[in-house]
Amino acid sequence: RLVKNATGRSVGAWIDIVRIQRAKRLLSDTRLSIMDIASSVGVEDQSYFSRLFKKETGLTPSSFRKKMQG
């Protein structure tokens, strides 16, 4: 309840935000595969990771990587 009151989001949603922030850094700074990045942030299903990433950023992980490299 403390997290919800302080942030307006559930603990699960907050954890997803942190995962996506870490994934963004890895996509920008490494050449790890998207599958490896998903796994390293604690999401074993690459399809779910891609949906979650797009929901939070508006871009797929591969589109985000291309944008950061270009």
Protein backbone atom coordinates (compact mmCIF):
# COMPACT_ATOMS: atom_id res chain seq x y z
CA ARG A 1 0.00 0.00 0.00
CA LEU A 2 2.89 2.35 0.70
CA VAL A 3 4.15 2.06 -2.89
CA LYS A 4 0.66 2.56 -4.28
CA ASN A 5 0.08 5.63 -2.11
CA ALA A 6 3.48 7.13 -2.92
CA THR A 7 3.54 6.43 -6.68
CA GLY A 8 -0.05 5.86 -7.71
CA ARG A 9 1.00 2.50 -9.15
CA SER A 10 0.96 -1.04 -7.85
CA VAL A 11 4.18 -2.78 -6.83
CA GLY A 12 3.94 -4.95 -9.96
CA ALA A 13 3.60 -1.91 -12.21
CA TRP A 14 6.54 -0.25 -10.47
CA ILE A 15 8.67 -3.36 -11.00
CA ASP A 16 7.75 -3.34 -14.70
CA ILE A 17 8.86 0.30 -14.98
CA VAL A 18 12.22 -0.54 -13.43
CA ARG A 19 12.59 -3.52 -15.77
CA ILE A 20 11.90 -1.35 -18.81
CA GLN A 21 14.37 1.32 -17.66
CA ARG A 22 17.08 -1.32 -17.34
CA ALA A 23 16.12 -2.84 -20.68
CA LYS A 24 16.41 0.59 -22.33
CA ARG A 25 19.97 0.94 -21.02
CA LEU A 26 20.89 -2.53 -22.23
CA LEU A 27 19.35 -1.94 -25.65
CA SER A 28 21.26 1.33 -26.00
CA ASP A 29 24.60 0.26 -24.54
CA THR A 30 25.04 -3.40 -25.51
CA ARG A 31 24.67 -5.75 -28.43
CA LEU A 32 22.86 -8.38 -26.37
CA SER A 33 19.95 -10.04 -28.14
CA ILE A 34 16.48 -8.95 -27.18
CA MET A 35 15.90 -12.42 -25.75
CA ASP A 36 18.98 -12.07 -23.53
CA ILE A 37 17.90 -8.61 -22.42
CA ALA A 38 14.41 -9.85 -21.58
CA SER A 39 15.90 -12.64 -19.51
CA SER A 40 18.37 -10.34 -17.76
CA VAL A 41 15.57 -8.04 -16.60
CA GLY A 42 13.55 -10.97 -15.29
CA VAL A 43 11.12 -11.67 -18.13
CA GLU A 44 11.51 -15.15 -19.60
CA ASP A 45 8.89 -14.77 -22.35
CA GLN A 46 10.25 -12.60 -25.17
CA SER A 47 6.77 -12.00 -26.58
CA TYR A 48 5.50 -10.69 -23.24
CA PHE A 49 8.63 -8.57 -22.88
CA SER A 50 8.06 -6.98 -26.30
CA ARG A 51 4.40 -6.22 -25.47
CA LEU A 52 5.33 -4.77 -22.09
CA PHE A 53 8.15 -2.70 -23.59
CA LYS A 54 5.86 -1.31 -26.31
CA LYS A 55 3.12 -0.54 -23.77
CA GLU A 56 5.55 1.50 -21.65
CA THR A 57 7.59 3.19 -24.42
CA GLY A 58 5.42 3.17 -27.55
CA LEU A 59 8.17 1.31 -29.42
CA THR A 60 9.15 -2.30 -29.82
CA PRO A 61 12.55 -3.20 -28.34
CA SER A 62 14.11 -3.51 -31.82
CA SER A 63 12.64 -0.16 -32.93
CA PHE A 64 13.93 1.47 -29.75
CA ARG A 65 17.43 0.06 -30.39
CA LYS A 66 17.43 1.31 -33.98
CA LYS A 67 16.30 4.76 -32.86
CA MET A 68 19.07 4.94 -30.22
CA GLN A 69 21.73 3.84 -32.71
CA GLY A 70 20.60 6.20 -35.44
